[in-house]
Amino acid sequence: MILAAGTLVADDLPVGPGWVEVDGDRIAATGSGPPPRPADVDLGECLLVPGFVDMHVHGGAGAAFPDGDADAALRAVRFHRAHGSTTMVASLVAAGHDELLKTVEALAELVVDGELAGVHLEGPWLAAARCGAHDPRQLRDPEPAELERLLRVGDGAVRMVTLAPERDGGLAAVRRIVDAGAVAALGHTDASYALTREAIDAGARVGTHLFNAMAPVHHREPGPAVALLEDPRVTVELVTDGLHVHPALWEHVVRSAGADRVAAVTDAMAAAGMPDGEYHLGAMRVTVADGVARIASGTDGGVGAIAGSTATTDALFANVVRHAGGSRADALRRAVALTAGSPARALGLADVGTIAPGRRADLVVLDDQLRVRGVYRAGVPAAPAPLPD
């Protein structure tokens, strides 16, 4: 099958008219200009980009990954896939040990089936002062035996672990996570600049939602954000929904670190794709108003910390393009790096994240308004998200 598009964003090709040949579940060839034979699928003036990779997502379509219900989790996967996320990691929240074991074991079924690229333990080894939307009653130090059991459950389903390195045993936990073949991430932390550098030297390679739920930058104590940004070994997450981080700041981060070190993540929770109302994230009640999710506090209807988002990756992609400086081609390449290439590399996923021969045929078709018009996963069409009226 050959797909031809008015604009193709692919490795080693100029941004412009191009084509992709798909053989089974793989990309067989790519090229600029007209295809070598008539296209089987002519996408007209649409944009063709790699399938998005969301390395930090808690749920969607009313389903929450931390609930540990595989059928409901699959509903969330299919919802985000319709918005172009052909690869995603299911993020959990701080919870009791037995509950986490049970949840990872349940979601491991979807990892084995290839529906998920793994499970992300965001906690419970986080700083109480930076707990954000996590239940502070469930936060604790990374006890080696507990960590070991979680890394082993589901035959290695855990792909990434976020922790605060200042907790007792934090640096040792980073080393163990890396030894187990998972990605160690730093987040929800009050760590100093110096300690963050130690954790990076110990093997940490991701900064979880940079700036959010971490000690702020201070002129005498740069803190974790600066240490994560300056180290070329680290990929930093940014929630580019326009709420978690100001566009001027994420543009500054991209210019400073380079697009190949920045991953746009949704941090979406169950309310993504759903109407405003009451939801939950783990044990925490969440109120969504005007699409913004916040922890519900007390019985007076008040709200607290931001509780993830209701974003989808196609929206993040569009935001990055619209706020990028430079040419349209440069903006598209930047958006592709943030939503596909960088997160794929950070997770160690060699067969997704770019349009190139030999990679899995994960493709997203976008119109001139950057709305999803089609999604292919492993060469098979998936239902695109319905367009707004």
Protein backbone atom coordinates (compact mmCIF):
# COMPACT_ATOMS: atom_id res chain seq x y z
CA MET A 1 0.00 0.00 0.00
CA ILE A 2 1.27 3.46 -0.90
CA LEU A 3 -0.04 6.60 0.82
CA ALA A 4 0.64 9.99 -0.76
CA ALA A 5 0.27 13.26 1.16
CA GLY A 6 0.56 16.95 0.41
CA THR A 7 2.95 17.27 3.35
CA LEU A 8 5.05 14.43 4.75
CA VAL A 9 7.26 14.77 7.84
CA ALA A 10 9.73 11.88 7.67
CA ASP A 11 13.35 11.21 8.52
CA ASP A 12 15.93 12.32 5.97
CA LEU A 13 13.33 13.93 3.69
CA PRO A 14 12.43 17.58 3.21
CA VAL A 15 9.06 18.59 4.62
CA GLY A 16 6.71 18.68 1.66
CA PRO A 17 4.83 16.41 -0.74
CA GLY A 18 5.77 12.79 -0.27
CA TRP A 19 4.72 9.18 -0.01
CA VAL A 20 5.02 6.16 2.29
CA GLU A 21 4.92 2.53 1.20
CA VAL A 22 3.56 0.11 3.80
CA ASP A 23 4.21 -3.63 3.66
CA GLY A 24 2.29 -5.52 6.33
CA ASP A 25 2.93 -3.79 9.65
CA ARG A 26 6.14 -2.07 8.52
CA ILE A 27 7.18 0.94 6.51
CA ALA A 28 8.91 -0.39 3.40
CA ALA A 29 9.96 2.86 1.73
CA THR A 30 9.47 6.63 1.74
CA GLY A 31 10.11 9.36 -0.75
CA SER A 32 9.56 12.97 -1.74
CA GLY A 33 7.33 14.15 -4.55
CA PRO A 34 5.04 11.82 -6.52
CA PRO A 35 5.08 8.11 -5.60
CA PRO A 36 6.75 5.56 -7.94
CA ARG A 37 3.30 4.23 -8.89
CA PRO A 38 -0.25 5.52 -8.37
CA ALA A 39 -1.04 5.81 -4.68
CA ASP A 40 -3.47 3.37 -3.12
CA VAL A 41 -4.48 6.12 -0.68
CA ASP A 42 -4.26 9.72 -1.87
CA LEU A 43 -4.50 12.00 1.17
CA GLY A 44 -4.62 15.16 -0.90
CA GLU A 45 -3.30 18.21 0.92
CA CYS A 46 -3.32 16.50 4.31
CA LEU A 47 -0.30 16.23 6.59
CA LEU A 48 1.20 12.78 7.31
CA VAL A 49 3.24 12.39 10.51
CA PRO A 50 4.43 9.53 12.73
CA GLY A 51 2.05 8.01 15.25
CA PHE A 52 2.24 9.90 18.54
CA VAL A 53 3.98 8.39 21.57
CA ASP A 54 2.49 9.39 24.93
CA MET A 55 4.83 8.34 27.71
CA HIS A 56 2.69 9.76 30.54
CA VAL A 57 -1.07 9.22 30.50
CA HIS A 58 -3.42 8.11 33.31
CA GLY A 59 -6.56 7.39 31.31
CA GLY A 60 -9.35 8.79 29.18
CA ALA A 61 -12.92 8.24 27.97
CA GLY A 62 -14.02 7.81 31.59
CA ALA A 63 -11.49 5.04 32.29
CA ALA A 64 -8.52 5.34 34.66
CA PHE A 65 -5.43 3.13 34.35
CA PRO A 66 -4.86 3.17 38.15
CA ASP A 67 -8.17 1.31 38.59
CA GLY A 68 -6.52 -1.84 37.22
CA ASP A 69 -9.49 -2.83 35.04
CA ALA A 70 -8.04 -4.17 31.78
CA ASP A 71 -11.30 -3.80 29.83
CA ALA A 72 -11.76 -0.19 30.93
CA ALA A 73 -8.08 0.50 30.26
CA LEU A 74 -8.53 -0.71 26.70
CA ARG A 75 -11.31 1.86 26.28
CA ALA A 76 -8.86 4.59 27.28
CA VAL A 77 -6.24 3.20 24.90
CA ARG A 78 -8.65 3.23 21.98
CA PHE A 79 -9.81 6.76 22.81
CA HIS A 80 -6.27 8.14 22.75
CA ARG A 81 -5.41 6.08 19.67
CA ALA A 82 -8.26 7.77 17.83
CA HIS A 83 -6.46 11.04 18.61
CA GLY A 84 -3.23 9.73 17.10
CA SER A 85 -1.46 8.17 20.12
CA THR A 86 -0.47 4.85 18.57
CA THR A 87 1.94 4.13 21.45
CA MET A 88 1.34 4.88 25.12
CA VAL A 89 2.49 3.96 28.59
CA ALA A 90 -0.17 3.58 31.30
CA SER A 91 0.69 5.85 34.23
CA LEU A 92 -0.40 4.92 37.75
CA VAL A 93 -0.52 7.01 40.93
CA ALA A 94 0.65 6.51 44.50
CA ALA A 95 -1.21 3.62 46.15
CA GLY A 96 -0.69 0.78 48.59
CA HIS A 97 1.76 -1.97 47.68
CA ASP A 98 -0.82 -4.73 47.16
CA GLU A 99 -3.01 -2.43 45.07
CA LEU A 100 -0.07 -1.47 42.84
CA LEU A 101 0.91 -5.10 42.36
CA LYS A 102 -2.63 -6.01 41.38
CA THR A 103 -2.92 -3.08 38.99
CA VAL A 104 0.39 -3.75 37.23
CA GLU A 105 -0.51 -7.41 36.89
CA ALA A 106 -3.86 -6.53 35.30
CA LEU A 107 -2.38 -4.00 32.87
CA ALA A 108 0.42 -6.42 31.97
CA GLU A 109 -2.16 -8.28 29.85
CA LEU A 110 -2.40 -5.22 27.60
CA VAL A 111 1.39 -4.94 27.48
CA VAL A 112 1.69 -8.55 26.32
CA ASP A 113 -1.04 -7.94 23.72
CA GLY A 114 0.85 -4.89 22.45
CA GLU A 115 -1.91 -2.44 23.33
CA LEU A 116 0.36 -0.69 25.85
CA ALA A 117 4.11 -0.12 25.67
CA GLY A 118 4.38 -0.63 29.43
CA VAL A 119 3.35 0.72 32.81
CA HIS A 120 4.65 3.89 34.46
CA LEU A 121 4.82 3.94 38.25
CA GLU A 122 4.42 7.62 39.13
CA GLY A 123 4.97 7.09 42.83
CA PRO A 124 4.54 6.11 45.56
CA TRP A 125 8.14 7.25 46.23
CA LEU A 126 7.45 10.97 45.90
CA ALA A 127 8.07 14.05 48.05
CA ALA A 128 5.16 14.91 50.33
CA ALA A 129 5.71 18.63 49.75
CA ARG A 130 5.36 18.10 45.97
CA CYS A 131 2.66 15.42 45.96
CA GLY A 132 0.39 17.34 43.57
CA ALA A 133 -2.62 15.12 42.81
CA HIS A 134 -1.19 12.08 44.61
CA ASP A 135 -2.66 10.84 47.88
CA PRO A 136 -0.16 12.07 50.52
CA ARG A 137 -1.12 9.15 52.78
CA GLN A 138 0.38 6.72 50.27
CA LEU A 139 3.80 8.35 49.90
CA ARG A 140 6.77 6.45 51.31
CA ASP A 141 10.46 5.66 50.87
CA PRO A 142 11.49 3.14 48.18
CA GLU A 143 11.95 0.00 50.26
CA PRO A 144 14.11 -2.42 48.18
CA ALA A 145 11.87 -5.48 48.55
CA GLU A 146 8.76 -3.56 47.46
CA LEU A 147 10.56 -2.05 44.50
CA GLU A 148 11.88 -5.45 43.47
CA ARG A 149 8.45 -7.06 43.52
CA LEU A 150 6.92 -4.28 41.43
CA LEU A 151 9.72 -4.41 38.87
CA ARG A 152 9.25 -8.16 38.48
CA VAL A 153 5.44 -8.37 38.36
CA GLY A 154 3.88 -8.88 34.96
CA ASP A 155 7.16 -10.16 33.53
CA GLY A 156 8.71 -6.71 33.48
CA ALA A 157 5.62 -4.72 32.49
CA VAL A 158 6.95 -1.65 34.34
CA ARG A 159 8.79 0.49 31.77
CA MET A 160 9.27 3.71 33.76
CA VAL A 161 9.33 4.75 37.43
CA THR A 162 9.10 8.34 38.69
CA LEU A 163 10.52 9.04 42.14
CA ALA A 164 11.94 11.79 44.31
CA PRO A 165 15.64 11.07 44.80
CA GLU A 166 15.75 12.81 48.20
CA ARG A 167 13.68 10.07 49.80
CA ASP A 168 15.71 7.59 51.88
CA GLY A 169 17.11 5.02 49.46
CA GLY A 170 16.27 7.17 46.45
CA LEU A 171 19.63 6.94 44.68
CA ALA A 172 19.84 3.19 45.27
CA ALA A 173 16.33 2.87 43.83
CA VAL A 174 17.39 4.75 40.69
CA ARG A 175 20.23 2.27 40.18
CA ARG A 176 17.95 -0.74 40.71
CA ILE A 177 15.35 0.57 38.27
CA VAL A 178 18.01 1.02 35.60
CA ASP A 179 19.49 -2.43 36.31
CA ALA A 180 16.03 -3.92 35.77
CA GLY A 181 15.86 -2.38 32.29
CA ALA A 182 13.27 0.28 33.16
CA VAL A 183 13.58 4.05 32.82
CA ALA A 184 14.25 6.00 36.02
CA ALA A 185 12.51 9.39 36.05
CA LEU A 186 12.76 12.24 38.55
CA GLY A 187 9.65 14.15 39.55
CA HIS A 188 7.39 15.30 42.38
CA THR A 189 10.61 16.30 44.06
CA ASP A 190 12.22 18.93 46.27
CA ALA A 191 15.71 17.68 45.42
CA SER A 192 18.56 20.16 45.24
CA TYR A 193 20.50 20.83 42.07
CA ALA A 194 23.43 18.78 43.41
CA LEU A 195 21.30 15.79 44.40
CA THR A 196 19.49 15.83 41.06
CA ARG A 197 22.86 15.66 39.32
CA GLU A 198 23.78 12.68 41.52
CA ALA A 199 20.55 10.94 40.52
CA ILE A 200 21.29 11.56 36.85
CA ASP A 201 24.77 10.13 37.30
CA ALA A 202 23.11 7.12 38.97
CA GLY A 203 21.09 6.53 35.80
CA ALA A 204 17.97 8.74 35.84
CA ARG A 205 17.15 9.77 32.28
CA VAL A 206 13.73 11.51 32.38
CA GLY A 207 12.39 14.61 34.11
CA THR A 208 8.69 14.07 34.83
CA HIS A 209 6.47 17.00 33.72
CA LEU A 210 9.24 19.57 34.08
CA PHE A 211 8.49 22.49 36.44
CA ASN A 212 5.23 20.94 37.65
CA ALA A 213 5.39 19.41 41.14
CA MET A 214 9.08 20.17 41.64
CA ALA A 215 11.11 22.78 43.51
CA PRO A 216 11.16 26.05 41.54
CA VAL A 217 14.29 27.64 40.11
CA HIS A 218 16.01 29.99 42.56
CA HIS A 219 19.04 32.15 41.82
CA ARG A 220 21.01 30.60 44.70
CA GLU A 221 19.58 27.06 44.41
CA PRO A 222 18.86 26.13 40.78
CA GLY A 223 16.97 23.01 41.87
CA PRO A 224 16.00 19.95 39.83
CA ALA A 225 14.68 21.72 36.73
CA VAL A 226 18.02 23.29 35.82
CA ALA A 227 19.96 20.09 36.51
CA LEU A 228 17.59 18.10 34.29
CA LEU A 229 17.64 20.68 31.52
CA GLU A 230 21.40 21.04 31.29
CA ASP A 231 22.28 17.34 31.07
CA PRO A 232 22.25 15.99 27.48
CA ARG A 233 21.46 12.49 28.76
CA VAL A 234 18.04 13.54 30.05
CA THR A 235 14.71 13.86 28.26
CA VAL A 236 12.30 16.28 29.92
CA GLU A 237 8.52 15.95 29.76
CA LEU A 238 6.33 19.00 29.17
CA VAL A 239 2.54 19.12 29.28
CA THR A 240 2.02 21.47 26.32
CA ASP A 241 -1.68 22.05 26.96
CA GLY A 242 -1.19 25.75 27.69
CA LEU A 243 -2.23 25.27 31.32
CA HIS A 244 0.58 23.34 32.99
CA VAL A 245 3.36 25.38 31.38
CA HIS A 246 3.21 28.73 29.59
CA PRO A 247 4.01 28.43 25.85
CA ALA A 248 6.86 30.94 26.21
CA LEU A 249 8.48 28.65 28.77
CA TRP A 250 8.16 25.47 26.73
CA GLU A 251 9.58 27.31 23.72
CA HIS A 252 12.51 28.41 25.90
CA VAL A 253 13.03 24.80 27.02
CA VAL A 254 13.03 23.54 23.42
CA ARG A 255 15.53 26.21 22.36
CA SER A 256 17.75 25.45 25.35
CA ALA A 257 17.68 21.65 25.38
CA GLY A 258 16.80 20.90 21.76
CA ALA A 259 13.62 19.28 20.49
CA ASP A 260 15.23 15.84 20.59
CA ARG A 261 15.34 16.09 24.41
CA VAL A 262 11.78 17.27 25.02
CA ALA A 263 8.72 15.00 25.15
CA ALA A 264 5.21 16.44 25.05
CA VAL A 265 2.95 14.38 27.33
CA THR A 266 -0.77 14.62 28.02
CA ASP A 267 -0.73 13.54 31.69
CA ALA A 268 -4.40 12.92 30.84
CA MET A 269 -6.78 11.41 33.35
CA ALA A 270 -10.16 9.69 32.99
CA ALA A 271 -12.00 12.93 32.15
CA ALA A 272 -10.20 13.30 28.80
CA GLY A 273 -12.90 13.16 26.16
CA MET A 274 -15.64 13.46 28.78
CA PRO A 275 -17.89 16.32 29.95
CA ASP A 276 -17.13 18.47 32.98
CA GLY A 277 -18.00 16.83 36.27
CA GLU A 278 -16.68 14.72 39.13
CA TYR A 279 -14.02 12.06 38.52
CA HIS A 280 -11.25 10.36 40.46
CA LEU A 281 -7.51 9.80 40.11
CA GLY A 282 -6.60 6.90 42.32
CA ALA A 283 -8.11 7.70 45.71
CA MET A 284 -8.35 11.43 45.01
CA ARG A 285 -11.60 13.11 43.96
CA VAL A 286 -11.21 15.36 40.93
CA THR A 287 -13.43 18.19 39.74
CA VAL A 288 -13.33 19.10 36.05
CA ALA A 289 -14.60 22.54 35.10
CA ASP A 290 -14.08 24.11 31.65
CA GLY A 291 -11.88 21.13 30.83
CA VAL A 292 -9.47 21.81 33.73
CA ALA A 293 -9.02 18.98 36.25
CA ARG A 294 -8.27 19.86 39.87
CA ILE A 295 -8.29 17.95 43.14
CA ALA A 296 -11.57 18.47 44.98
CA SER A 297 -10.80 19.76 48.47
CA GLY A 298 -13.15 19.45 51.41
CA THR A 299 -16.93 19.51 51.33
CA ASP A 300 -17.35 23.15 50.31
CA GLY A 301 -16.84 22.50 46.63
CA GLY A 302 -13.36 24.03 46.65
CA VAL A 303 -10.62 22.77 44.36
CA GLY A 304 -6.90 22.37 44.80
CA ALA A 305 -3.92 21.22 42.74
CA ILE A 306 -4.12 20.51 39.03
CA ALA A 307 -4.90 16.80 38.64
CA GLY A 308 -3.39 15.82 35.33
CA SER A 309 -5.19 17.06 32.22
CA THR A 310 -8.00 16.37 29.80
CA ALA A 311 -5.68 16.81 26.80
CA THR A 312 -5.01 14.52 23.86
CA THR A 313 -1.73 14.35 21.97
CA ASP A 314 -3.15 15.81 18.75
CA ALA A 315 -3.99 18.94 20.75
CA LEU A 316 -0.45 19.05 22.14
CA PHE A 317 0.94 18.70 18.61
CA ALA A 318 -1.22 21.59 17.38
CA ASN A 319 -0.17 23.77 20.32
CA VAL A 320 3.51 23.19 19.64
CA VAL A 321 3.10 24.06 15.95
CA ARG A 322 1.13 27.22 16.68
CA HIS A 323 3.60 28.58 19.20
CA ALA A 324 6.81 27.62 17.40
CA GLY A 325 8.88 30.29 15.77
CA GLY A 326 10.49 29.93 12.38
CA SER A 327 9.11 28.35 9.25
CA ARG A 328 6.12 26.04 9.00
CA ALA A 329 8.48 23.16 8.15
CA ASP A 330 10.58 23.82 11.25
CA ALA A 331 7.46 24.01 13.41
CA LEU A 332 6.21 20.66 12.08
CA ARG A 333 9.55 18.98 12.64
CA ARG A 334 9.62 20.33 16.19
CA ALA A 335 6.10 19.07 16.90
CA VAL A 336 6.94 15.63 15.50
CA ALA A 337 10.05 15.45 17.67
CA LEU A 338 8.13 16.37 20.83
CA THR A 339 5.15 14.07 20.25
CA ALA A 340 6.86 11.07 18.64
CA GLY A 341 10.64 10.93 18.25
CA SER A 342 11.79 12.15 21.66
CA PRO A 343 9.40 10.09 23.82
CA ALA A 344 10.11 6.97 21.75
CA ARG A 345 13.86 7.36 22.31
CA ALA A 346 13.39 8.11 26.01
CA LEU A 347 11.44 4.86 26.43
CA GLY A 348 13.91 2.85 24.36
CA LEU A 349 11.34 2.04 21.66
CA ALA A 350 13.36 1.56 18.49
CA ASP A 351 10.52 0.72 16.08
CA VAL A 352 8.24 3.74 16.55
CA GLY A 353 8.50 7.52 16.70
CA THR A 354 9.48 8.29 13.12
CA ILE A 355 8.52 7.56 9.53
CA ALA A 356 11.41 5.54 8.13
CA PRO A 357 11.89 2.17 6.42
CA GLY A 358 11.79 -0.73 8.87
CA ARG A 359 9.76 1.12 11.50
CA ARG A 360 6.27 0.05 12.49
CA ALA A 361 3.71 1.62 10.19
CA ASP A 362 2.20 4.02 12.73
CA LEU A 363 0.91 7.08 10.91
CA VAL A 364 -1.38 10.02 11.65
CA VAL A 365 -3.23 12.02 8.99
CA LEU A 366 -3.97 15.65 9.90
CA ASP A 367 -5.90 18.27 7.96
CA ASP A 368 -4.86 21.91 7.51
CA GLN A 369 -6.37 22.72 10.93
CA LEU A 370 -4.20 19.96 12.46
CA ARG A 371 -7.25 17.81 13.24
CA VAL A 372 -6.96 14.03 13.02
CA ARG A 373 -8.43 12.66 9.80
CA GLY A 374 -6.96 9.17 9.95
CA VAL A 375 -4.80 6.90 12.08
CA TYR A 376 -2.83 3.81 11.09
CA ARG A 377 -1.31 1.50 13.69
CA ALA A 378 0.97 -1.26 12.42
CA GLY A 379 -0.46 -0.55 8.97
CA VAL A 380 -4.06 -1.07 10.04
CA PRO A 381 -6.52 1.85 9.95
CA ALA A 382 -7.91 2.88 13.32
CA ALA A 383 -11.02 4.98 13.78
CA PRO A 384 -10.08 8.68 13.97
CA ALA A 385 -11.58 10.89 16.63
CA PRO A 386 -14.88 12.53 15.64
CA LEU A 387 -14.42 16.12 14.54
CA PRO A 388 -16.24 18.89 16.42
CA ASP A 389 -19.37 20.35 14.84
